[in-house]
Amino acid sequence: MAARVSPRLNPSPMHDDPRTRYKRAAAERAAEFVESGMVVGLGTGSTAIFAIRRIGALLRSGVLRDLVGVPTSAATEEEARQLGIPVHETDGSREIDLTIDGADEVDPELNLIKGGRGALLREKIVAQASRRTMIVVDEAKLSLRLGTSQSLPIEVIAFGWRSQARYLESLGARVSVRESDGGDPFRSEQGNLVLDCAFGPIERPTDLADHLAGRAGIVAHGLFLGLATDLIVAGETGIRHRTRP
């Protein structure tokens, strides 16, 4: 796996906490890989939003042109439109040149846990349709093994969801139903429930993904295995760009 390290980050305004500063630095570095004429997947979450805002600024300044964005959530689409980024209908008719997105946890092989914002299904569809998927994170998201610090989001249809919960428990998970801010069950944009599954460190993520893929009622899971081509990590010592061999 190749790696490049940039110098220590410059100080940012005092109102920024370090993690916010690192997120912005990683995301804005990723935006440098966007070129005019590209179809760009636009990720969801607190790190990806910095990349989207930078892309919008480059479009307004004329540095970028003829760009089309493919958003991974309704919130991202709204933000992109407000920033003047043209949005393509998400019907999959156009191949995506580059997707920039965040992650909840990243292992040394660039495998990911995603779905903390509940957009895991659209995020995975966009990632699988992309020639290049660039993940941007602060260094706190790095982990030797997926599941060490994050639960695994699993999107299930409402019908029979308790049977899915029991199945996931049989695989070793501690399962909780994600709730919205008001305390009601969280619903994805497709109207599904999200089960947050604490497996602990996952020894064989590929095997777990196979078990989940074969279960009726499970719509999507947050294991993104072999999809990231690039990882940009920002932290106290600077910015690192790693690529999959």
C-alpha atoms as a PDB file:
ATOM      1  CA  MET A   1       0.000   0.000   0.000  1.00  0.00           C
ATOM      2  CA  ALA A   2       1.546   3.298  -1.064  1.00  0.00           C
ATOM      3  CA  ALA A   3       1.611   6.252   1.305  1.00  0.00           C
ATOM      4  CA  ARG A   4       2.532   9.898   1.052  1.00  0.00           C
ATOM      5  CA  VAL A   5       2.891  12.197   4.043  1.00  0.00           C
ATOM      6  CA  SER A   6       2.442  15.955   3.876  1.00  0.00           C
ATOM      7  CA  PRO A   7       3.918  18.416   6.361  1.00  0.00           C
ATOM      8  CA  ARG A   8       2.299  19.247   9.685  1.00  0.00           C
ATOM      9  CA  LEU A   9      -0.990  21.069   9.339  1.00  0.00           C
ATOM     10  CA  ASN A  10      -1.055  24.815   9.649  1.00  0.00           C
ATOM     11  CA  PRO A  11      -3.018  26.261  12.574  1.00  0.00           C
ATOM     12  CA  SER A  12      -6.686  27.009  11.912  1.00  0.00           C
ATOM     13  CA  PRO A  13      -8.997  29.527  13.553  1.00  0.00           C
ATOM     14  CA  MET A  14      -9.246  29.159  17.309  1.00  0.00           C
ATOM     15  CA  HIS A  15     -12.917  28.188  17.195  1.00  0.00           C
ATOM     16  CA  ASP A  16     -12.030  24.940  15.388  1.00  0.00           C
ATOM     17  CA  ASP A  17     -11.396  21.926  17.577  1.00  0.00           C
ATOM     18  CA  PRO A  18      -8.535  19.708  16.336  1.00  0.00           C
ATOM     19  CA  ARG A  19     -10.758  16.957  14.909  1.00  0.00           C
ATOM     20  CA  THR A  20     -12.800  19.449  12.905  1.00  0.00           C
ATOM     21  CA  ARG A  21      -9.581  20.944  11.602  1.00  0.00           C
ATOM     22  CA  TYR A  22      -8.292  17.519  10.587  1.00  0.00           C
ATOM     23  CA  LYS A  23     -11.569  16.615   8.887  1.00  0.00           C
ATOM     24  CA  ARG A  24     -11.499  19.826   6.863  1.00  0.00           C
ATOM     25  CA  ALA A  25      -7.858  19.329   5.878  1.00  0.00           C
ATOM     26  CA  ALA A  26      -8.436  15.755   4.656  1.00  0.00           C
ATOM     27  CA  ALA A  27     -11.590  16.687   2.747  1.00  0.00           C
ATOM     28  CA  GLU A  28     -10.071  19.728   1.080  1.00  0.00           C
ATOM     29  CA  ARG A  29      -7.049  17.678   0.016  1.00  0.00           C
ATOM     30  CA  ALA A  30      -9.396  15.175  -1.610  1.00  0.00           C
ATOM     31  CA  ALA A  31     -11.148  17.980  -3.496  1.00  0.00           C
ATOM     32  CA  GLU A  32      -7.831  18.660  -5.255  1.00  0.00           C
ATOM     33  CA  PHE A  33      -8.334  15.415  -7.189  1.00  0.00           C
ATOM     34  CA  VAL A  34     -11.559  16.649  -8.774  1.00  0.00           C
ATOM     35  CA  GLU A  35     -11.168  17.738 -12.401  1.00  0.00           C
ATOM     36  CA  SER A  36     -13.402  19.636 -14.786  1.00  0.00           C
ATOM     37  CA  GLY A  37     -15.872  17.454 -16.646  1.00  0.00           C
ATOM     38  CA  MET A  38     -15.994  14.765 -13.966  1.00  0.00           C
ATOM     39  CA  VAL A  39     -19.000  12.989 -12.541  1.00  0.00           C
ATOM     40  CA  VAL A  40     -18.326  13.116  -8.797  1.00  0.00           C
ATOM     41  CA  GLY A  41     -19.969  11.102  -6.054  1.00  0.00           C
ATOM     42  CA  LEU A  42     -20.753  13.360  -3.109  1.00  0.00           C
ATOM     43  CA  GLY A  43     -20.593  11.661   0.268  1.00  0.00           C
ATOM     44  CA  THR A  44     -22.626  12.150   3.418  1.00  0.00           C
ATOM     45  CA  GLY A  45     -21.462  13.254   6.854  1.00  0.00           C
ATOM     46  CA  SER A  46     -19.425  15.770   8.787  1.00  0.00           C
ATOM     47  CA  THR A  47     -16.186  15.171   6.880  1.00  0.00           C
ATOM     48  CA  ALA A  48     -17.537  14.805   3.345  1.00  0.00           C
ATOM     49  CA  ILE A  49     -19.381  18.106   3.686  1.00  0.00           C
ATOM     50  CA  PHE A  50     -16.068  19.974   3.755  1.00  0.00           C
ATOM     51  CA  ALA A  51     -15.127  18.428   0.391  1.00  0.00           C
ATOM     52  CA  ILE A  52     -18.505  19.382  -1.071  1.00  0.00           C
ATOM     53  CA  ARG A  53     -18.125  22.965   0.084  1.00  0.00           C
ATOM     54  CA  ARG A  54     -14.636  23.143  -1.405  1.00  0.00           C
ATOM     55  CA  ILE A  55     -15.874  21.756  -4.727  1.00  0.00           C
ATOM     56  CA  GLY A  56     -18.641  24.357  -4.726  1.00  0.00           C
ATOM     57  CA  ALA A  57     -16.105  27.135  -4.125  1.00  0.00           C
ATOM     58  CA  LEU A  58     -13.905  25.895  -6.979  1.00  0.00           C
ATOM     59  CA  LEU A  59     -16.897  25.857  -9.306  1.00  0.00           C
ATOM     60  CA  ARG A  60     -17.890  29.397  -8.361  1.00  0.00           C
ATOM     61  CA  SER A  61     -14.335  30.627  -8.904  1.00  0.00           C
ATOM     62  CA  GLY A  62     -14.140  29.023 -12.346  1.00  0.00           C
ATOM     63  CA  VAL A  63     -11.289  26.654 -11.444  1.00  0.00           C
ATOM     64  CA  LEU A  64     -13.686  23.760 -12.064  1.00  0.00           C
ATOM     65  CA  ARG A  65     -16.377  23.612 -14.743  1.00  0.00           C
ATOM     66  CA  ASP A  66     -18.774  21.158 -16.385  1.00  0.00           C
ATOM     67  CA  LEU A  67     -18.959  19.145 -13.190  1.00  0.00           C
ATOM     68  CA  VAL A  68     -21.864  16.909 -12.177  1.00  0.00           C
ATOM     69  CA  GLY A  69     -22.447  15.587  -8.662  1.00  0.00           C
ATOM     70  CA  VAL A  70     -24.134  12.349  -7.620  1.00  0.00           C
ATOM     71  CA  PRO A  71     -25.313  12.770  -3.999  1.00  0.00           C
ATOM     72  CA  THR A  72     -25.454   9.882  -1.545  1.00  0.00           C
ATOM     73  CA  SER A  73     -28.327  11.341   0.504  1.00  0.00           C
ATOM     74  CA  ALA A  74     -31.088  13.928   0.372  1.00  0.00           C
ATOM     75  CA  ALA A  75     -29.136  16.136   2.789  1.00  0.00           C
ATOM     76  CA  THR A  76     -26.092  16.029   0.515  1.00  0.00           C
ATOM     77  CA  GLU A  77     -28.225  16.806  -2.529  1.00  0.00           C
ATOM     78  CA  GLU A  78     -29.732  19.844  -0.815  1.00  0.00           C
ATOM     79  CA  GLU A  79     -26.287  21.101   0.201  1.00  0.00           C
ATOM     80  CA  ALA A  80     -24.909  20.576  -3.315  1.00  0.00           C
ATOM     81  CA  ARG A  81     -27.750  22.498  -4.937  1.00  0.00           C
ATOM     82  CA  GLN A  82     -27.321  25.371  -2.496  1.00  0.00           C
ATOM     83  CA  LEU A  83     -23.625  25.511  -3.377  1.00  0.00           C
ATOM     84  CA  GLY A  84     -24.353  25.589  -7.103  1.00  0.00           C
ATOM     85  CA  ILE A  85     -23.119  22.076  -7.854  1.00  0.00           C
ATOM     86  CA  PRO A  86     -25.166  20.554 -10.704  1.00  0.00           C
ATOM     87  CA  VAL A  87     -26.790  17.328  -9.535  1.00  0.00           C
ATOM     88  CA  HIS A  88     -27.338  14.313 -11.783  1.00  0.00           C
ATOM     89  CA  GLU A  89     -30.368  12.083 -11.393  1.00  0.00           C
ATOM     90  CA  THR A  90     -29.271   9.093  -9.335  1.00  0.00           C
ATOM     91  CA  ASP A  91     -30.485   6.418 -11.753  1.00  0.00           C
ATOM     92  CA  GLY A  92     -27.045   4.977 -12.364  1.00  0.00           C
ATOM     93  CA  SER A  93     -26.995   5.895 -16.036  1.00  0.00           C
ATOM     94  CA  ARG A  94     -23.606   7.613 -15.799  1.00  0.00           C
ATOM     95  CA  GLU A  95     -20.376   6.106 -14.534  1.00  0.00           C
ATOM     96  CA  ILE A  96     -18.901   8.012 -11.611  1.00  0.00           C
ATOM     97  CA  ASP A  97     -15.291   9.118 -12.018  1.00  0.00           C
ATOM     98  CA  LEU A  98     -14.515   9.862  -8.380  1.00  0.00           C
ATOM     99  CA  THR A  99     -16.447   9.596  -5.126  1.00  0.00           C
ATOM    100  CA  ILE A 100     -15.346  11.444  -2.003  1.00  0.00           C
ATOM    101  CA  ASP A 101     -16.881  10.177   1.224  1.00  0.00           C
ATOM    102  CA  GLY A 102     -16.118   9.708   4.897  1.00  0.00           C
ATOM    103  CA  ALA A 103     -16.089   6.588   7.063  1.00  0.00           C
ATOM    104  CA  ASP A 104     -16.775   5.635  10.657  1.00  0.00           C
ATOM    105  CA  GLU A 105     -13.864   3.204  10.925  1.00  0.00           C
ATOM    106  CA  VAL A 106     -10.998   2.199   8.602  1.00  0.00           C
ATOM    107  CA  ASP A 107      -8.693  -0.807   8.899  1.00  0.00           C
ATOM    108  CA  PRO A 108      -5.151  -1.153   7.467  1.00  0.00           C
ATOM    109  CA  GLU A 109      -6.486  -2.804   4.277  1.00  0.00           C
ATOM    110  CA  LEU A 110      -8.768   0.199   3.598  1.00  0.00           C
ATOM    111  CA  ASN A 111     -11.874  -1.750   4.519  1.00  0.00           C
ATOM    112  CA  LEU A 112     -14.534   0.398   6.139  1.00  0.00           C
ATOM    113  CA  ILE A 113     -17.502   0.624   8.434  1.00  0.00           C
ATOM    114  CA  LYS A 114     -19.932   3.240   7.143  1.00  0.00           C
ATOM    115  CA  GLY A 115     -23.524   4.213   7.792  1.00  0.00           C
ATOM    116  CA  GLY A 116     -23.324   6.381  10.883  1.00  0.00           C
ATOM    117  CA  ARG A 117     -25.620   8.894   9.188  1.00  0.00           C
ATOM    118  CA  GLY A 118     -27.979   6.193   7.921  1.00  0.00           C
ATOM    119  CA  ALA A 119     -27.146   6.625   4.234  1.00  0.00           C
ATOM    120  CA  LEU A 120     -25.299   3.321   3.885  1.00  0.00           C
ATOM    121  CA  LEU A 121     -27.423   1.926   1.036  1.00  0.00           C
ATOM    122  CA  ARG A 122     -27.007   4.904  -1.288  1.00  0.00           C
ATOM    123  CA  GLU A 123     -23.378   5.307  -0.225  1.00  0.00           C
ATOM    124  CA  LYS A 124     -22.629   1.718  -1.227  1.00  0.00           C
ATOM    125  CA  ILE A 125     -24.492   1.995  -4.527  1.00  0.00           C
ATOM    126  CA  VAL A 126     -22.461   5.090  -5.420  1.00  0.00           C
ATOM    127  CA  ALA A 127     -19.163   3.554  -4.274  1.00  0.00           C
ATOM    128  CA  GLN A 128     -19.748   0.419  -6.339  1.00  0.00           C
ATOM    129  CA  ALA A 129     -20.501   2.558  -9.396  1.00  0.00           C
ATOM    130  CA  SER A 130     -17.301   4.603  -9.028  1.00  0.00           C
ATOM    131  CA  ARG A 131     -14.001   4.181 -10.809  1.00  0.00           C
ATOM    132  CA  ARG A 132     -12.264   5.642  -7.764  1.00  0.00           C
ATOM    133  CA  THR A 133     -13.530   5.974  -4.186  1.00  0.00           C
ATOM    134  CA  MET A 134     -11.559   8.338  -1.982  1.00  0.00           C
ATOM    135  CA  ILE A 135     -12.230   8.137   1.759  1.00  0.00           C
ATOM    136  CA  VAL A 136     -11.448  11.139   3.955  1.00  0.00           C
ATOM    137  CA  VAL A 137     -11.075  10.807   7.736  1.00  0.00           C
ATOM    138  CA  ASP A 138      -9.303  12.199  10.757  1.00  0.00           C
ATOM    139  CA  GLU A 139      -6.805   9.861  12.385  1.00  0.00           C
ATOM    140  CA  ALA A 140      -9.232   8.883  15.179  1.00  0.00           C
ATOM    141  CA  LYS A 141     -11.129   6.763  12.625  1.00  0.00           C
ATOM    142  CA  LEU A 142      -8.212   4.385  12.078  1.00  0.00           C
ATOM    143  CA  SER A 143      -8.440   0.940  13.659  1.00  0.00           C
ATOM    144  CA  LEU A 144      -6.459  -2.274  13.489  1.00  0.00           C
ATOM    145  CA  ARG A 145      -9.706  -4.241  13.169  1.00  0.00           C
ATOM    146  CA  LEU A 146     -13.195  -3.170  12.116  1.00  0.00           C
ATOM    147  CA  GLY A 147     -15.728  -3.198  14.923  1.00  0.00           C
ATOM    148  CA  THR A 148     -13.207  -2.228  17.585  1.00  0.00           C
ATOM    149  CA  SER A 149     -14.625   1.252  18.097  1.00  0.00           C
ATOM    150  CA  GLN A 150     -17.805   1.280  16.005  1.00  0.00           C
ATOM    151  CA  SER A 151     -21.028  -0.649  15.810  1.00  0.00           C
ATOM    152  CA  LEU A 152     -21.982  -1.985  12.406  1.00  0.00           C
ATOM    153  CA  PRO A 153     -25.116  -0.364  10.911  1.00  0.00           C
ATOM    154  CA  ILE A 154     -27.442  -2.818   9.199  1.00  0.00           C
ATOM    155  CA  GLU A 155     -30.485  -1.603   7.269  1.00  0.00           C
ATOM    156  CA  VAL A 156     -33.511  -3.911   7.440  1.00  0.00           C
ATOM    157  CA  ILE A 157     -37.083  -3.721   6.202  1.00  0.00           C
ATOM    158  CA  ALA A 158     -39.620  -3.149   8.969  1.00  0.00           C
ATOM    159  CA  PHE A 159     -41.497  -6.361   8.228  1.00  0.00           C
ATOM    160  CA  GLY A 160     -40.070  -9.085  10.429  1.00  0.00           C
ATOM    161  CA  TRP A 161     -37.251  -6.926  11.736  1.00  0.00           C
ATOM    162  CA  ARG A 162     -37.151  -8.715  15.096  1.00  0.00           C
ATOM    163  CA  SER A 163     -36.259 -11.954  13.330  1.00  0.00           C
ATOM    164  CA  GLN A 164     -33.325 -10.126  11.749  1.00  0.00           C
ATOM    165  CA  ALA A 165     -32.296  -8.865  15.170  1.00  0.00           C
ATOM    166  CA  ARG A 166     -32.319 -12.430  16.538  1.00  0.00           C
ATOM    167  CA  TYR A 167     -30.289 -13.619  13.571  1.00  0.00           C
ATOM    168  CA  LEU A 168     -27.709 -10.894  14.137  1.00  0.00           C
ATOM    169  CA  GLU A 169     -27.533 -11.788  17.814  1.00  0.00           C
ATOM    170  CA  SER A 170     -26.867 -15.400  16.791  1.00  0.00           C
ATOM    171  CA  LEU A 171     -23.836 -14.083  14.876  1.00  0.00           C
ATOM    172  CA  GLY A 172     -22.527 -12.455  18.046  1.00  0.00           C
ATOM    173  CA  ALA A 173     -23.912  -8.925  17.851  1.00  0.00           C
ATOM    174  CA  ARG A 174     -25.423  -6.794  20.563  1.00  0.00           C
ATOM    175  CA  VAL A 175     -28.299  -5.191  18.645  1.00  0.00           C
ATOM    176  CA  SER A 176     -30.070  -1.878  19.196  1.00  0.00           C
ATOM    177  CA  VAL A 177     -32.658  -0.137  17.027  1.00  0.00           C
ATOM    178  CA  ARG A 178     -31.430   3.266  15.951  1.00  0.00           C
ATOM    179  CA  GLU A 179     -33.637   6.122  17.108  1.00  0.00           C
ATOM    180  CA  SER A 180     -34.257   9.559  15.645  1.00  0.00           C
ATOM    181  CA  ASP A 181     -33.722  12.723  17.676  1.00  0.00           C
ATOM    182  CA  GLY A 182     -37.340  12.552  18.827  1.00  0.00           C
ATOM    183  CA  GLY A 183     -36.976   9.033  20.175  1.00  0.00           C
ATOM    184  CA  ASP A 184     -38.913   7.303  17.398  1.00  0.00           C
ATOM    185  CA  PRO A 185     -37.268   4.532  15.360  1.00  0.00           C
ATOM    186  CA  PHE A 186     -34.954   6.067  12.765  1.00  0.00           C
ATOM    187  CA  ARG A 187     -36.063   5.551   9.171  1.00  0.00           C
ATOM    188  CA  SER A 188     -33.686   5.559   6.240  1.00  0.00           C
ATOM    189  CA  GLU A 189     -34.568   7.472   3.085  1.00  0.00           C
ATOM    190  CA  GLN A 190     -35.955   4.188   1.765  1.00  0.00           C
ATOM    191  CA  GLY A 191     -38.219   3.907   4.823  1.00  0.00           C
ATOM    192  CA  ASN A 192     -36.244   1.094   6.444  1.00  0.00           C
ATOM    193  CA  LEU A 193     -35.009   0.592   9.996  1.00  0.00           C
ATOM    194  CA  VAL A 194     -31.338   0.654  10.958  1.00  0.00           C
ATOM    195  CA  LEU A 195     -30.012  -1.815  13.519  1.00  0.00           C
ATOM    196  CA  ASP A 196     -26.728  -0.838  15.155  1.00  0.00           C
ATOM    197  CA  CYS A 197     -24.843  -4.052  15.839  1.00  0.00           C
ATOM    198  CA  ALA A 198     -21.928  -4.120  18.256  1.00  0.00           C
ATOM    199  CA  PHE A 199     -19.865  -7.145  17.225  1.00  0.00           C
ATOM    200  CA  GLY A 200     -16.627  -6.048  18.824  1.00  0.00           C
ATOM    201  CA  PRO A 201     -13.466  -6.579  16.736  1.00  0.00           C
ATOM    202  CA  ILE A 202     -14.529  -8.486  13.624  1.00  0.00           C
ATOM    203  CA  GLU A 203     -12.009 -11.232  12.882  1.00  0.00           C
ATOM    204  CA  ARG A 204     -13.340 -12.217   9.447  1.00  0.00           C
ATOM    205  CA  PRO A 205     -15.289  -9.319   7.927  1.00  0.00           C
ATOM    206  CA  THR A 206     -15.644 -11.047   4.548  1.00  0.00           C
ATOM    207  CA  ASP A 207     -17.337 -14.039   6.168  1.00  0.00           C
ATOM    208  CA  LEU A 208     -19.648 -11.757   8.123  1.00  0.00           C
ATOM    209  CA  ALA A 209     -20.533  -9.837   4.958  1.00  0.00           C
ATOM    210  CA  ASP A 210     -21.416 -13.114   3.252  1.00  0.00           C
ATOM    211  CA  HIS A 211     -23.718 -14.096   6.130  1.00  0.00           C
ATOM    212  CA  LEU A 212     -25.466 -10.728   5.964  1.00  0.00           C
ATOM    213  CA  ALA A 213     -25.817 -10.738   2.172  1.00  0.00           C
ATOM    214  CA  GLY A 214     -27.597 -14.081   2.254  1.00  0.00           C
ATOM    215  CA  ARG A 215     -30.301 -13.049   4.717  1.00  0.00           C
ATOM    216  CA  ALA A 216     -33.715 -11.959   3.422  1.00  0.00           C
ATOM    217  CA  GLY A 217     -34.856  -8.750   5.053  1.00  0.00           C
ATOM    218  CA  ILE A 218     -31.386  -7.246   5.313  1.00  0.00           C
ATOM    219  CA  VAL A 219     -31.277  -4.476   2.721  1.00  0.00           C
ATOM    220  CA  ALA A 220     -27.720  -3.236   3.261  1.00  0.00           C
ATOM    221  CA  HIS A 221     -24.884  -3.435   5.753  1.00  0.00           C
ATOM    222  CA  GLY A 222     -22.127  -1.014   6.623  1.00  0.00           C
ATOM    223  CA  LEU A 223     -19.167  -3.245   5.762  1.00  0.00           C
ATOM    224  CA  PHE A 224     -17.516  -1.615   2.741  1.00  0.00           C
ATOM    225  CA  LEU A 225     -14.912  -4.187   1.759  1.00  0.00           C
ATOM    226  CA  GLY A 226     -12.569  -3.638  -1.156  1.00  0.00           C
ATOM    227  CA  LEU A 227     -14.377  -0.483  -2.309  1.00  0.00           C
ATOM    228  CA  ALA A 228     -12.005   2.274  -1.182  1.00  0.00           C
ATOM    229  CA  THR A 229      -9.171   2.943  -3.613  1.00  0.00           C
ATOM    230  CA  ASP A 230      -7.702   5.884  -1.702  1.00  0.00           C
ATOM    231  CA  LEU A 231      -7.571   7.036   1.914  1.00  0.00           C
ATOM    232  CA  ILE A 232      -6.705  10.557   3.001  1.00  0.00           C
ATOM    233  CA  VAL A 233      -6.023  10.834   6.731  1.00  0.00           C
ATOM    234  CA  ALA A 234      -5.340  14.073   8.585  1.00  0.00           C
ATOM    235  CA  GLY A 235      -3.931  14.349  12.078  1.00  0.00           C
ATOM    236  CA  GLU A 236      -1.442  16.131  14.258  1.00  0.00           C
ATOM    237  CA  THR A 237       1.543  15.163  12.104  1.00  0.00           C
ATOM    238  CA  GLY A 238      -0.038  16.173   8.799  1.00  0.00           C
ATOM    239  CA  ILE A 239      -1.941  14.592   5.926  1.00  0.00           C
ATOM    240  CA  ARG A 240      -1.305  11.099   4.598  1.00  0.00           C
ATOM    241  CA  HIS A 241      -2.563   9.748   1.293  1.00  0.00           C
ATOM    242  CA  ARG A 242      -2.677   5.963   1.058  1.00  0.00           C
ATOM    243  CA  THR A 243      -3.740   3.955  -1.953  1.00  0.00           C
ATOM    244  CA  ARG A 244      -4.832   0.365  -2.383  1.00  0.00           C
ATOM    245  CA  PRO A 245      -2.132  -1.668  -4.189  1.00  0.00           C
END
